Amino acid sequence: MQDNSLQLLIAFDQWATARVIAACDRLNAGQFQSRFDIGPGSLHGTLAHILGAMRTWTQTLAGQELSQRLEANGIMRTPGELMALHEQISLEFQKEAERRPVNEHVDRKLRDGRVIRLTRCEILTHVTTHGMHHRAQCLNMLRQLGVKPLPASSVVEWSLHKDSQ
């Protein structure tokens, strides 16, 4: 991968998602699966959605057959199980991001049958901004559940702490 800003975006995305999942480890199962009127509706559902989308787009980039979405199978996972999935999926995403030039085009068949064509850079950017969008929903849910302090989640916080970890 030639673009340092894209590497930064991917590294930040991995870090921030891991912080949100780790914050959920303090919750009981009921809190982790509590329903909220936002996004996919629960911390569990939202985090499974983030990971499922990342896996699907990684498979798209690799030209692989798409697996069933993580959130589609109804399996309830613990934060620890989601963290293990996150480590695996984000590593595969990072490797795939670096495998081919970012300006290459990739075709993706949508659920409605349409085929779209995007550059690899557009897909990589989509995945990371999609994660940020849903992490904000998770922070809202964590705040409503009384979690304090909320996990660090900004690029500035990551920049200040990344070398000390």
Foldseek 3Di string as FASTA:
>chain_A
DPDPVLVLLLVLLLVQLLLLLVLQLPDDPCLQAQADPDDLGGNQLLLLQLLQLLQQLLCQLVVHDRDDRSNVVVDGDHSVVSSVSSVVSSVSSVVSLPPDDQQDKTWDQDPVGDIDIDGNVVSSVVSSVSSVVSVVVSQVSCVVVVRPPRGDRDSVVCVVCVVVD
